[in-house]
N, C-alpha and C. Protein backbone atom coordinates (compact mmCIF):
# COMPACT_ATOMS: atom_id res chain seq x y z
N MET A 1 -25.19 -55.41 63.86
CA MET A 1 -26.12 -55.15 62.78
C MET A 1 -27.19 -56.25 62.78
N ALA A 2 -28.42 -55.86 62.80
CA ALA A 2 -29.52 -56.82 62.82
C ALA A 2 -29.69 -57.45 61.44
N LEU A 3 -30.29 -58.62 61.44
CA LEU A 3 -30.45 -59.36 60.18
C LEU A 3 -31.27 -58.61 59.13
N PRO A 4 -32.38 -57.96 59.49
CA PRO A 4 -33.10 -57.19 58.46
C PRO A 4 -32.24 -56.08 57.85
N GLN A 5 -31.35 -55.51 58.65
CA GLN A 5 -30.47 -54.47 58.12
C GLN A 5 -29.47 -55.06 57.14
N ILE A 6 -28.97 -56.26 57.42
CA ILE A 6 -28.04 -56.92 56.50
C ILE A 6 -28.73 -57.25 55.19
N GLU A 7 -29.96 -57.76 55.29
CA GLU A 7 -30.73 -58.07 54.09
C GLU A 7 -30.98 -56.80 53.28
N SER A 8 -31.33 -55.73 53.94
CA SER A 8 -31.56 -54.46 53.26
C SER A 8 -30.28 -53.95 52.61
N PHE A 9 -29.15 -54.10 53.30
CA PHE A 9 -27.86 -53.67 52.76
C PHE A 9 -27.50 -54.45 51.50
N ILE A 10 -27.69 -55.78 51.52
CA ILE A 10 -27.40 -56.61 50.35
C ILE A 10 -28.32 -56.21 49.20
N SER A 11 -29.58 -56.01 49.48
CA SER A 11 -30.53 -55.62 48.45
C SER A 11 -30.18 -54.25 47.85
N THR A 12 -29.76 -53.33 48.69
CA THR A 12 -29.38 -52.00 48.21
C THR A 12 -28.13 -52.07 47.35
N LEU A 13 -27.13 -52.84 47.78
CA LEU A 13 -25.92 -53.01 46.97
C LEU A 13 -26.23 -53.61 45.61
N GLN A 14 -27.10 -54.62 45.61
CA GLN A 14 -27.49 -55.26 44.35
C GLN A 14 -28.19 -54.27 43.43
N THR A 15 -29.06 -53.46 43.96
CA THR A 15 -29.78 -52.47 43.16
C THR A 15 -28.83 -51.42 42.60
N VAL A 16 -27.94 -50.91 43.43
CA VAL A 16 -26.99 -49.89 42.98
C VAL A 16 -26.09 -50.44 41.89
N TYR A 17 -25.57 -51.66 42.08
CA TYR A 17 -24.66 -52.24 41.08
C TYR A 17 -25.41 -52.55 39.78
N THR A 18 -26.67 -52.96 39.88
CA THR A 18 -27.47 -53.18 38.68
C THR A 18 -27.63 -51.88 37.90
N PHE A 19 -27.91 -50.79 38.58
CA PHE A 19 -28.04 -49.50 37.90
C PHE A 19 -26.70 -49.05 37.31
N MET A 20 -25.61 -49.39 37.97
CA MET A 20 -24.29 -49.06 37.42
C MET A 20 -24.05 -49.82 36.12
N ILE A 21 -24.44 -51.09 36.08
CA ILE A 21 -24.30 -51.88 34.85
C ILE A 21 -25.16 -51.29 33.74
N ILE A 22 -26.40 -50.97 34.06
CA ILE A 22 -27.30 -50.39 33.07
C ILE A 22 -26.75 -49.06 32.55
N GLY A 23 -26.27 -48.22 33.45
CA GLY A 23 -25.68 -46.94 33.04
C GLY A 23 -24.48 -47.13 32.14
N TYR A 24 -23.64 -48.11 32.46
CA TYR A 24 -22.45 -48.38 31.65
C TYR A 24 -22.84 -48.86 30.25
N VAL A 25 -23.86 -49.70 30.17
CA VAL A 25 -24.34 -50.17 28.88
C VAL A 25 -24.94 -49.02 28.08
N LEU A 26 -25.71 -48.16 28.73
CA LEU A 26 -26.30 -47.02 28.02
C LEU A 26 -25.23 -46.05 27.51
N LEU A 27 -24.14 -45.91 28.25
CA LEU A 27 -23.05 -45.05 27.79
C LEU A 27 -22.40 -45.56 26.51
N SER A 28 -22.50 -46.87 26.28
CA SER A 28 -21.91 -47.42 25.05
C SER A 28 -22.67 -46.96 23.81
N TRP A 29 -23.88 -46.49 23.98
CA TRP A 29 -24.67 -46.02 22.84
C TRP A 29 -24.33 -44.59 22.44
N LEU A 30 -23.67 -43.87 23.32
CA LEU A 30 -23.33 -42.47 23.04
C LEU A 30 -21.86 -42.37 22.64
N PRO A 31 -21.56 -41.63 21.58
CA PRO A 31 -20.17 -41.51 21.16
C PRO A 31 -19.30 -40.83 22.22
N ASN A 32 -18.17 -41.41 22.50
CA ASN A 32 -17.17 -40.87 23.44
C ASN A 32 -17.66 -40.74 24.88
N ALA A 33 -18.80 -41.32 25.21
CA ALA A 33 -19.32 -41.19 26.58
C ALA A 33 -18.51 -42.00 27.57
N ARG A 34 -17.95 -43.12 27.12
CA ARG A 34 -17.16 -43.95 28.03
C ARG A 34 -15.80 -43.32 28.34
N GLU A 35 -15.40 -42.33 27.57
CA GLU A 35 -14.14 -41.64 27.85
C GLU A 35 -14.32 -40.50 28.85
N SER A 36 -15.56 -40.21 29.24
CA SER A 36 -15.80 -39.17 30.24
C SER A 36 -15.42 -39.69 31.62
N PHE A 37 -15.42 -38.80 32.59
CA PHE A 37 -15.07 -39.19 33.96
C PHE A 37 -16.01 -40.27 34.48
N ILE A 38 -17.31 -40.06 34.28
CA ILE A 38 -18.30 -41.03 34.76
C ILE A 38 -18.15 -42.35 34.02
N GLY A 39 -17.93 -42.30 32.71
CA GLY A 39 -17.75 -43.51 31.93
C GLY A 39 -16.54 -44.30 32.37
N GLU A 40 -15.44 -43.61 32.64
CA GLU A 40 -14.23 -44.30 33.10
C GLU A 40 -14.41 -44.88 34.49
N MET A 41 -15.09 -44.13 35.37
CA MET A 41 -15.33 -44.62 36.72
C MET A 41 -16.23 -45.87 36.69
N LEU A 42 -17.31 -45.81 35.91
CA LEU A 42 -18.19 -46.97 35.80
C LEU A 42 -17.45 -48.14 35.17
N GLY A 43 -16.59 -47.86 34.19
CA GLY A 43 -15.83 -48.92 33.56
C GLY A 43 -14.92 -49.64 34.54
N LYS A 44 -14.28 -48.90 35.42
CA LYS A 44 -13.39 -49.51 36.41
C LYS A 44 -14.17 -50.35 37.42
N LEU A 45 -15.40 -49.97 37.69
CA LEU A 45 -16.20 -50.69 38.67
C LEU A 45 -16.98 -51.87 38.08
N VAL A 46 -17.40 -51.74 36.84
CA VAL A 46 -18.31 -52.72 36.23
C VAL A 46 -17.59 -53.68 35.29
N GLU A 47 -16.59 -53.21 34.58
CA GLU A 47 -15.94 -54.03 33.55
C GLU A 47 -15.32 -55.33 34.10
N PRO A 48 -14.68 -55.34 35.27
CA PRO A 48 -14.16 -56.63 35.77
C PRO A 48 -15.25 -57.69 35.95
N TYR A 49 -16.41 -57.27 36.42
CA TYR A 49 -17.53 -58.21 36.59
C TYR A 49 -18.07 -58.65 35.24
N LEU A 50 -18.26 -57.71 34.31
CA LEU A 50 -18.79 -58.05 33.00
C LEU A 50 -17.83 -58.91 32.19
N SER A 51 -16.53 -58.73 32.39
CA SER A 51 -15.55 -59.49 31.61
C SER A 51 -15.66 -60.99 31.87
N ILE A 52 -16.10 -61.37 33.07
CA ILE A 52 -16.31 -62.79 33.37
C ILE A 52 -17.35 -63.37 32.42
N PHE A 53 -18.43 -62.65 32.21
CA PHE A 53 -19.51 -63.14 31.37
C PHE A 53 -19.17 -62.99 29.89
N ARG A 54 -18.38 -62.00 29.54
CA ARG A 54 -17.99 -61.83 28.14
C ARG A 54 -17.07 -62.95 27.66
N ARG A 55 -16.30 -63.54 28.59
CA ARG A 55 -15.46 -64.68 28.22
C ARG A 55 -16.31 -65.92 27.93
N ILE A 56 -17.45 -66.03 28.59
CA ILE A 56 -18.31 -67.20 28.44
C ILE A 56 -19.30 -67.03 27.29
N ILE A 57 -19.86 -65.83 27.15
CA ILE A 57 -20.93 -65.57 26.19
C ILE A 57 -20.41 -64.67 25.07
N PRO A 58 -20.26 -65.21 23.87
CA PRO A 58 -19.81 -64.35 22.76
C PRO A 58 -20.94 -63.44 22.28
N PRO A 59 -20.60 -62.32 21.64
CA PRO A 59 -21.65 -61.45 21.09
C PRO A 59 -22.46 -62.18 20.02
N ILE A 60 -23.73 -61.90 19.97
CA ILE A 60 -24.62 -62.52 18.99
C ILE A 60 -24.50 -61.75 17.68
N GLY A 61 -24.17 -62.43 16.63
CA GLY A 61 -24.03 -61.79 15.33
C GLY A 61 -22.88 -60.81 15.27
N GLY A 62 -21.98 -60.89 16.22
CA GLY A 62 -20.83 -60.00 16.25
C GLY A 62 -21.13 -58.61 16.78
N MET A 63 -22.41 -58.30 17.00
CA MET A 63 -22.78 -56.94 17.42
C MET A 63 -23.45 -56.89 18.78
N PHE A 64 -24.34 -57.79 19.05
CA PHE A 64 -25.18 -57.71 20.23
C PHE A 64 -24.55 -58.47 21.39
N ASP A 65 -24.21 -57.73 22.43
CA ASP A 65 -23.59 -58.31 23.61
C ASP A 65 -24.65 -58.49 24.68
N ILE A 66 -25.02 -59.74 24.94
CA ILE A 66 -26.04 -60.00 25.95
C ILE A 66 -25.44 -60.32 27.31
N SER A 67 -24.12 -60.25 27.42
CA SER A 67 -23.48 -60.56 28.70
C SER A 67 -23.93 -59.64 29.84
N PRO A 68 -24.21 -58.35 29.61
CA PRO A 68 -24.72 -57.54 30.74
C PRO A 68 -26.07 -58.03 31.27
N ILE A 69 -26.90 -58.56 30.39
CA ILE A 69 -28.21 -59.08 30.83
C ILE A 69 -28.00 -60.30 31.72
N VAL A 70 -27.14 -61.20 31.27
CA VAL A 70 -26.85 -62.40 32.06
C VAL A 70 -26.17 -62.01 33.37
N ALA A 71 -25.30 -61.01 33.33
CA ALA A 71 -24.61 -60.55 34.53
C ALA A 71 -25.59 -59.99 35.56
N VAL A 72 -26.58 -59.25 35.10
CA VAL A 72 -27.59 -58.69 36.01
C VAL A 72 -28.42 -59.82 36.62
N PHE A 73 -28.83 -60.81 35.81
CA PHE A 73 -29.57 -61.95 36.36
C PHE A 73 -28.74 -62.71 37.38
N ALA A 74 -27.46 -62.92 37.09
CA ALA A 74 -26.58 -63.63 38.03
C ALA A 74 -26.45 -62.84 39.33
N LEU A 75 -26.32 -61.54 39.22
CA LEU A 75 -26.23 -60.69 40.41
C LEU A 75 -27.49 -60.80 41.26
N GLN A 76 -28.64 -60.81 40.61
CA GLN A 76 -29.90 -60.94 41.34
C GLN A 76 -30.01 -62.29 42.03
N PHE A 77 -29.58 -63.36 41.34
CA PHE A 77 -29.62 -64.68 41.95
C PHE A 77 -28.68 -64.78 43.15
N VAL A 78 -27.51 -64.21 43.04
CA VAL A 78 -26.55 -64.25 44.15
C VAL A 78 -27.09 -63.46 45.35
N ALA A 79 -27.63 -62.28 45.08
CA ALA A 79 -28.19 -61.47 46.18
C ALA A 79 -29.36 -62.20 46.84
N ALA A 80 -30.25 -62.78 46.04
CA ALA A 80 -31.38 -63.52 46.60
C ALA A 80 -30.89 -64.74 47.38
N GLY A 81 -29.85 -65.40 46.89
CA GLY A 81 -29.29 -66.54 47.60
C GLY A 81 -28.68 -66.15 48.93
N LEU A 82 -27.94 -65.05 48.96
CA LEU A 82 -27.37 -64.57 50.21
C LEU A 82 -28.46 -64.23 51.23
N ILE A 83 -29.49 -63.58 50.77
CA ILE A 83 -30.61 -63.22 51.67
C ILE A 83 -31.29 -64.48 52.17
N ALA A 84 -31.48 -65.49 51.32
CA ALA A 84 -32.10 -66.74 51.73
C ALA A 84 -31.24 -67.46 52.78
N VAL A 85 -29.93 -67.45 52.58
CA VAL A 85 -29.03 -68.08 53.56
C VAL A 85 -29.10 -67.35 54.89
N ILE A 86 -29.12 -66.04 54.85
CA ILE A 86 -29.21 -65.26 56.09
C ILE A 86 -30.52 -65.54 56.81
N GLN A 87 -31.61 -65.62 56.06
CA GLN A 87 -32.90 -65.91 56.68
C GLN A 87 -32.92 -67.33 57.25
N PHE A 88 -32.29 -68.27 56.57
CA PHE A 88 -32.23 -69.65 57.05
C PHE A 88 -31.43 -69.72 58.35
N LEU A 89 -30.31 -69.03 58.39
CA LEU A 89 -29.46 -69.05 59.58
C LEU A 89 -30.09 -68.32 60.76
N ALA A 90 -31.02 -67.43 60.49
CA ALA A 90 -31.67 -66.66 61.56
C ALA A 90 -32.72 -67.48 62.29
N ARG A 91 -33.12 -68.59 61.73
CA ARG A 91 -34.16 -69.41 62.38
C ARG A 91 -33.67 -70.08 63.60
């Protein structure tokens, strides 16, 4: 696998997982949506990652959970870091 393909693969994974997080958060606004097949599937894939940030960042005012926002930023930083390391090693 060529280096541009690896970079593209990492970028695609990051984008897909970001959309999964956003979809999971949007499902929380709809009653009983997380109990659907898609909600349960997204929960199994996204909740372990989000739980790391929920342990660190408490909800604001008891209602507003900003941990998904921080999780998406962290995911973007990790993906950008991996791509930077790959580009550095390719020199």
